[in-house]
Protein backbone atom coordinates (compact mmCIF):
# COMPACT_ATOMS: atom_id res chain seq x y z
CA UNK A 1 -1.77 24.88 7.96
CA UNK A 2 -2.84 26.44 4.44
CA UNK A 3 -1.58 24.32 1.20
CA UNK A 4 1.66 26.02 0.40
CA UNK A 5 2.19 26.38 -3.59
CA UNK A 6 5.45 27.97 -4.88
CA UNK A 7 5.75 28.73 -8.68
CA UNK A 8 7.52 31.85 -9.41
CA UNK A 9 11.88 31.28 -9.64
CA UNK A 10 13.09 34.21 -7.31
CA UNK A 11 16.27 35.94 -7.17
CA UNK A 12 16.62 37.88 -4.40
CA UNK A 13 19.98 39.19 -3.08
CA UNK A 14 18.63 38.11 0.52
CA UNK A 15 16.36 34.67 0.05
CA UNK A 16 12.99 34.82 1.25
CA UNK A 17 13.81 31.89 3.42
CA UNK A 18 16.35 33.69 5.44
CA UNK A 19 13.82 36.10 7.37
CA UNK A 20 11.30 32.89 7.46
CA UNK A 21 14.29 31.26 9.38
CA UNK A 22 14.88 34.77 11.55
CA UNK A 23 11.39 34.77 12.78
CA UNK A 24 11.46 30.58 13.27
CA UNK A 25 14.62 31.23 15.11
CA UNK A 26 12.88 33.43 17.73
CA UNK A 27 10.23 31.30 18.31
CA UNK A 28 11.40 28.32 18.43
CA UNK A 29 13.98 30.23 21.21
CA UNK A 30 11.53 31.54 23.17
CA UNK A 31 8.59 28.54 23.72
CA UNK A 32 8.55 24.66 24.20
CA UNK A 33 6.72 22.62 22.08
CA UNK A 34 3.57 20.63 24.25
CA UNK A 35 4.01 16.97 24.31
CA UNK A 36 0.83 16.14 23.08
CA UNK A 37 1.13 18.05 20.24
CA UNK A 38 0.91 16.19 16.45
CA UNK A 39 0.79 17.91 13.14
CA UNK A 40 -2.29 17.56 10.81
CA UNK A 41 -1.98 15.30 8.20
CA UNK A 42 -4.60 16.49 6.27
CA UNK A 43 -3.21 20.27 5.78
CA UNK A 44 1.11 19.48 6.59
CA UNK A 45 1.70 19.31 2.51
CA UNK A 46 3.04 21.55 -0.06
CA UNK A 47 4.31 21.92 -3.92
CA UNK A 48 6.99 23.01 -5.67
CA UNK A 49 6.58 23.85 -9.31
CA UNK A 50 8.42 26.00 -11.79
CA UNK A 51 11.05 25.13 -15.05
CA UNK A 52 14.56 23.35 -14.36
CA UNK A 53 16.96 25.61 -13.72
CA UNK A 54 20.22 25.29 -15.77
CA UNK A 55 22.94 27.31 -14.13
CA UNK A 56 21.76 26.25 -10.88
CA UNK A 57 22.32 22.20 -11.69
CA UNK A 58 25.99 22.85 -12.94
CA UNK A 59 26.53 24.64 -10.12
CA UNK A 60 25.45 21.49 -7.99
CA UNK A 61 27.60 19.50 -10.03
CA UNK A 62 30.42 21.25 -10.15
CA UNK A 63 30.29 22.66 -6.09
CA UNK A 64 29.59 18.74 -5.06
CA UNK A 65 31.33 16.98 -7.53
CA UNK A 66 28.15 14.87 -8.01
CA UNK A 67 26.64 14.57 -11.57
CA UNK A 68 25.82 11.48 -14.09
CA UNK A 69 27.67 10.79 -17.07
CA UNK A 70 24.62 11.33 -19.50
CA UNK A 71 24.32 14.85 -17.90
CA UNK A 72 20.90 14.12 -16.62
CA UNK A 73 19.98 15.17 -13.03
CA UNK A 74 21.87 13.49 -10.37
CA UNK A 75 19.95 11.77 -7.45
CA UNK A 76 21.34 14.54 -4.91
CA UNK A 77 19.96 17.51 -7.27
CA UNK A 78 16.49 15.51 -7.20
CA UNK A 79 16.56 15.62 -3.21
CA UNK A 80 17.63 19.87 -3.31
CA UNK A 81 14.66 20.06 -5.22
CA UNK A 82 12.34 18.91 -2.70
CA UNK A 83 13.76 20.74 0.13
CA UNK A 84 11.51 24.10 -0.19
CA UNK A 85 8.62 21.50 0.37
CA UNK A 86 10.25 20.34 3.40
CA UNK A 87 10.91 23.50 4.93
CA UNK A 88 8.14 25.24 3.92
CA UNK A 89 6.38 22.78 6.14
CA UNK A 90 7.81 22.73 9.45
CA UNK A 91 8.30 26.17 9.35
CA UNK A 92 4.89 26.90 8.88
CA UNK A 93 3.40 29.12 11.93
CA UNK A 94 0.45 26.41 11.76
CA UNK A 95 3.13 23.56 12.18
CA UNK A 96 3.23 22.54 16.15
CA UNK A 97 6.34 21.64 16.09
CA UNK A 98 9.52 23.88 16.85
CA UNK A 99 11.49 23.55 13.37
CA UNK A 100 14.75 24.29 15.39
CA UNK A 101 13.68 20.99 17.36
CA UNK A 102 13.81 19.00 14.08
CA UNK A 103 16.54 16.27 12.63
CA UNK A 104 16.49 15.25 9.15
CA UNK A 105 17.16 11.64 9.72
CA UNK A 106 16.89 9.30 6.47
CA UNK A 107 16.07 9.42 2.94
CA UNK A 108 15.21 7.31 0.50
CA UNK A 109 14.74 8.03 -3.23
CA UNK A 110 14.08 6.24 -6.31
CA UNK A 111 14.14 7.87 -9.71
CA UNK A 112 12.50 5.60 -12.58
CA UNK A 113 13.34 8.07 -15.37
CA UNK A 114 15.99 10.48 -16.22
CA UNK A 115 15.46 14.08 -16.67
CA UNK A 116 17.70 15.94 -18.39
CA UNK A 117 18.06 19.78 -16.98
CA UNK A 118 16.37 21.16 -19.57
CA UNK A 119 15.15 25.11 -19.01
CA UNK A 120 11.42 23.62 -21.19
CA UNK A 121 10.78 21.12 -18.78
CA UNK A 122 8.87 22.21 -15.35
CA UNK A 123 9.33 20.12 -12.48
CA UNK A 124 6.52 19.83 -9.97
CA UNK A 125 7.66 18.44 -6.50
CA UNK A 126 4.49 17.72 -4.00
CA UNK A 127 5.40 17.06 -0.27
CA UNK A 128 3.28 15.43 2.60
CA UNK A 129 2.91 14.27 6.03
CA UNK A 130 1.74 10.93 5.57
CA UNK A 131 2.42 8.91 8.87
CA UNK A 132 4.41 9.43 12.33
CA UNK A 133 5.23 7.37 14.86
CA UNK A 134 6.51 8.02 18.52
CA UNK A 135 10.41 7.00 19.98
CA UNK A 136 11.99 7.19 23.23
CA UNK A 137 10.47 10.61 23.34
CA UNK A 138 11.10 11.68 20.23
CA UNK A 139 8.27 11.69 17.49
CA UNK A 140 9.17 10.19 13.70
CA UNK A 141 8.20 12.30 11.03
CA UNK A 142 7.26 10.52 7.25
CA UNK A 143 7.04 12.84 4.87
CA UNK A 144 6.59 11.64 1.25
CA UNK A 145 7.73 13.59 -2.12
CA UNK A 146 6.47 12.62 -6.06
CA UNK A 147 7.94 13.88 -8.62
CA UNK A 148 7.18 15.15 -12.46
CA UNK A 149 8.60 16.26 -15.02
CA UNK A 150 6.03 17.67 -17.59
CA UNK A 151 3.12 16.09 -16.03
CA UNK A 152 5.27 12.77 -16.12
CA UNK A 153 6.11 10.91 -13.12
CA UNK A 154 9.57 10.61 -12.69
CA UNK A 155 10.42 10.26 -8.92
CA UNK A 156 9.70 9.78 -5.38
CA UNK A 157 11.13 10.07 -1.72
CA UNK A 158 10.97 9.33 1.67
CA UNK A 159 12.08 11.30 4.33
CA UNK A 160 12.53 10.44 8.07
CA UNK A 161 12.36 13.84 9.94
CA UNK A 162 12.76 13.67 13.52
CA UNK A 163 11.73 15.87 16.39
CA UNK A 164 13.63 15.82 19.45
CA UNK A 165 11.52 18.59 21.39
CA UNK A 166 10.19 15.81 23.48
CA UNK A 167 13.37 14.81 23.93
CA UNK A 168 14.49 16.18 27.98
CA UNK A 169 18.60 15.30 29.01
CA UNK A 170 18.44 12.77 32.07
CA UNK A 171 16.21 10.67 28.82
CA UNK A 172 18.63 10.88 26.13
CA UNK A 173 21.47 8.03 25.48
CA UNK A 174 24.11 8.17 23.00
CA UNK A 175 24.13 6.67 19.90
CA UNK A 176 26.36 3.63 19.04
CA UNK A 177 28.25 4.67 16.34
CA UNK A 178 28.00 1.49 13.12
CA UNK A 179 30.70 -0.03 12.36
CA UNK A 180 32.56 -0.74 9.25
CA UNK A 181 33.41 -4.47 8.92
CA UNK A 182 33.79 -6.57 5.84
CA UNK A 183 34.66 -5.82 2.85
CA UNK A 184 35.20 -1.62 3.54
CA UNK A 185 37.65 0.80 1.93
CA UNK A 186 38.87 4.09 2.14
CA UNK A 187 38.52 5.43 -1.11
CA UNK A 188 38.92 9.20 -0.58
CA UNK A 189 40.30 12.15 1.88
CA UNK A 190 37.63 15.31 1.22
CA UNK A 191 38.52 18.75 2.55
CA UNK A 192 35.54 21.08 3.78
CA UNK A 193 36.22 24.58 3.81
CA UNK A 194 34.70 26.47 6.27
CA UNK A 195 32.84 28.05 3.98
CA UNK A 196 31.35 25.19 1.86
CA UNK A 197 27.72 25.34 3.89
CA UNK A 198 27.49 29.43 2.82
CA UNK A 199 28.23 28.10 -0.79
CA UNK A 200 26.05 25.18 -0.73
CA UNK A 201 22.83 27.29 0.49
CA UNK A 202 23.33 29.94 -2.42
CA UNK A 203 22.77 26.71 -4.46
CA UNK A 204 19.92 25.19 -2.55
CA UNK A 205 18.49 27.95 -0.17
CA UNK A 206 18.94 25.48 3.11
CA UNK A 207 19.80 28.98 4.91
CA UNK A 208 19.58 27.34 8.78
CA UNK A 209 22.26 29.26 10.86
CA UNK A 210 24.13 26.36 11.42
CA UNK A 211 25.39 26.42 8.02
CA UNK A 212 26.58 29.62 7.11
CA UNK A 213 29.90 31.67 8.80
CA UNK A 214 28.55 33.57 11.84
CA UNK A 215 25.34 31.74 12.65
CA UNK A 216 26.16 30.97 15.60
CA UNK A 217 26.67 34.47 16.72
CA UNK A 218 23.32 35.02 14.94
CA UNK A 219 21.68 32.19 16.66
CA UNK A 220 23.44 33.34 20.39
CA UNK A 221 21.80 36.97 19.78
CA UNK A 222 18.56 35.60 19.58
CA UNK A 223 18.79 33.08 22.72
CA UNK A 224 20.28 35.74 24.40
CA UNK A 225 17.09 38.26 24.04
CA UNK A 226 14.36 34.75 23.87
CA UNK A 227 16.01 32.40 26.49
CA UNK A 228 18.71 33.42 28.22
CA UNK A 229 19.75 29.85 29.59
CA UNK A 230 21.02 28.32 26.05
CA UNK A 231 22.49 31.38 24.34
CA UNK A 232 25.74 29.95 25.48
CA UNK A 233 25.14 26.68 23.89
CA UNK A 234 24.27 28.19 20.82
CA UNK A 235 27.38 30.56 20.93
CA UNK A 236 29.63 27.73 20.87
CA UNK A 237 28.13 25.59 18.68
CA UNK A 238 30.27 25.02 15.14
CA UNK A 239 29.02 25.06 12.38
CA UNK A 240 28.67 22.04 10.13
CA UNK A 241 27.44 21.20 6.16
CA UNK A 242 24.57 20.50 5.22
CA UNK A 243 23.31 16.53 5.24
CA UNK A 244 22.54 16.66 1.17
CA UNK A 245 25.58 18.11 0.35
CA UNK A 246 27.72 15.82 2.52
CA UNK A 247 26.34 13.06 0.59
CA UNK A 248 26.45 14.15 -2.60
CA UNK A 249 30.00 14.80 -2.45
CA UNK A 250 30.77 11.13 -0.82
CA UNK A 251 28.99 9.87 -3.65
CA UNK A 252 30.67 11.92 -6.35
CA UNK A 253 34.51 10.53 -4.07
CA UNK A 254 33.34 6.78 -4.76
CA UNK A 255 35.54 4.59 -7.53
CA UNK A 256 31.62 4.06 -9.41
CA UNK A 257 28.24 3.87 -9.35
CA UNK A 258 25.35 2.13 -9.84
CA UNK A 259 23.22 5.66 -11.23
CA UNK A 260 26.13 6.94 -12.43
CA UNK A 261 25.14 6.99 -15.81
CA UNK A 262 21.84 8.56 -16.40
CA UNK A 263 20.39 8.85 -12.24
CA UNK A 264 18.02 6.15 -12.45
CA UNK A 265 18.51 3.28 -9.56
CA UNK A 266 17.87 4.19 -5.63
CA UNK A 267 19.94 6.60 -2.96
CA UNK A 268 19.46 5.46 0.56
CA UNK A 269 21.13 7.84 3.11
CA UNK A 270 20.96 8.27 6.63
CA UNK A 271 22.25 11.51 8.70
CA UNK A 272 23.50 9.92 11.77
CA UNK A 273 26.01 12.82 13.28
CA UNK A 274 26.79 16.85 12.21
CA UNK A 275 29.74 16.56 10.13
CA UNK A 276 31.67 20.62 11.22
CA UNK A 277 33.42 22.83 9.04
CA UNK A 278 36.21 23.38 8.46
CA UNK A 279 37.84 19.63 8.05
CA UNK A 280 38.50 16.41 6.57
CA UNK A 281 36.23 13.65 6.29
CA UNK A 282 37.00 10.01 4.76
CA UNK A 283 34.58 8.50 2.42
CA UNK A 284 34.74 5.02 2.50
CA UNK A 285 32.51 1.90 0.69
CA UNK A 286 31.81 -1.57 0.17
CA UNK A 287 29.66 -3.65 -2.74
CA UNK A 288 30.22 -4.58 -6.20
CA UNK A 289 28.84 -2.36 -9.79
CA UNK A 290 24.89 -2.84 -9.23
CA UNK A 291 25.16 -1.96 -5.56
CA UNK A 292 27.82 0.19 -3.30
CA UNK A 293 27.51 0.94 0.18
CA UNK A 294 29.37 4.58 0.92
CA UNK A 295 30.12 5.89 4.71
CA UNK A 296 31.65 9.23 5.48
CA UNK A 297 34.18 8.96 8.31
CA UNK A 298 35.42 11.69 11.10
CA UNK A 299 38.88 10.98 11.50
CA UNK A 300 39.14 13.81 14.04
CA UNK A 301 36.36 11.88 16.20
CA UNK A 302 38.19 8.12 15.88
CA UNK A 303 36.65 7.80 12.72
CA UNK A 304 33.16 7.91 13.64
CA UNK A 305 30.52 7.68 10.63
CA UNK A 306 28.76 10.82 10.07
CA UNK A 307 26.91 10.18 7.14
CA UNK A 308 26.13 6.12 5.93
CA UNK A 309 24.33 5.54 2.24
CA UNK A 310 23.83 2.89 -0.24
CA UNK A 311 23.49 3.36 -4.70
CA UNK A 312 21.73 0.98 -5.92
CA UNK A 313 20.57 0.44 -10.09
CA UNK A 314 17.71 0.01 -11.35
CA UNK A 315 15.66 -3.05 -11.03
């Protein structure tokens, strides 16, 4: 896969990611990945570099409520800066695995220096595939991202993206949901409108069809043409909220945050199940001032835990 480098800001009415995702939808719906395919560690990489968009930062903070006391970039927004890199790698035509068969499962982000949303500050996010591991007919791919501001490193992130392309129905094992016990308390109910996925897509450029109204219909039409056997499943798929938006809104609802002063510290997030739109999610928390664990639970699914995470202050 060619080295992907994105430096110039774009302000299209229809983002460039939309036709890319549509092309990938056709590609994913019409073929199956071979079980022996592996991505190339040497060329699966991307770089994103541009001045900080102050308005975009404030839009993110207004929508999710996730912000810092000092006004520095919140951890959830720093992840948003790396999203385009991850998407660029997995939707590239030469990447051997189908993007529509991948699941973003975990993130660990450590911020060592606060960065203010100053338009004179240029942020660079460099992402590369650092390894993979086969697990129960699934392939876990580990991506590392290094962040710098005006050439000074300020954060690093590890992401786990799982390819489900090899998973057959007979091999699928239902995941045991985590059980919250000992010290956990519900701190908030968060209402999620049906248009939230669209609103977050406009800020984050995450235009996956599963996040926007009518996306299931568009995917159903595509699969009706390319893979009729799957069309019914796509037509009936509910809208789901982007994982980073879910986690950021959960963080905003916490009674206190170890990283809320200037954004420095560590954020770990595990995306366990999709959060359907519209609906109401429960935010639960446990821990002290130096570390707090949080969970997003769906009361419509008997309190199933959808997202879990941990915030730790700087050490």
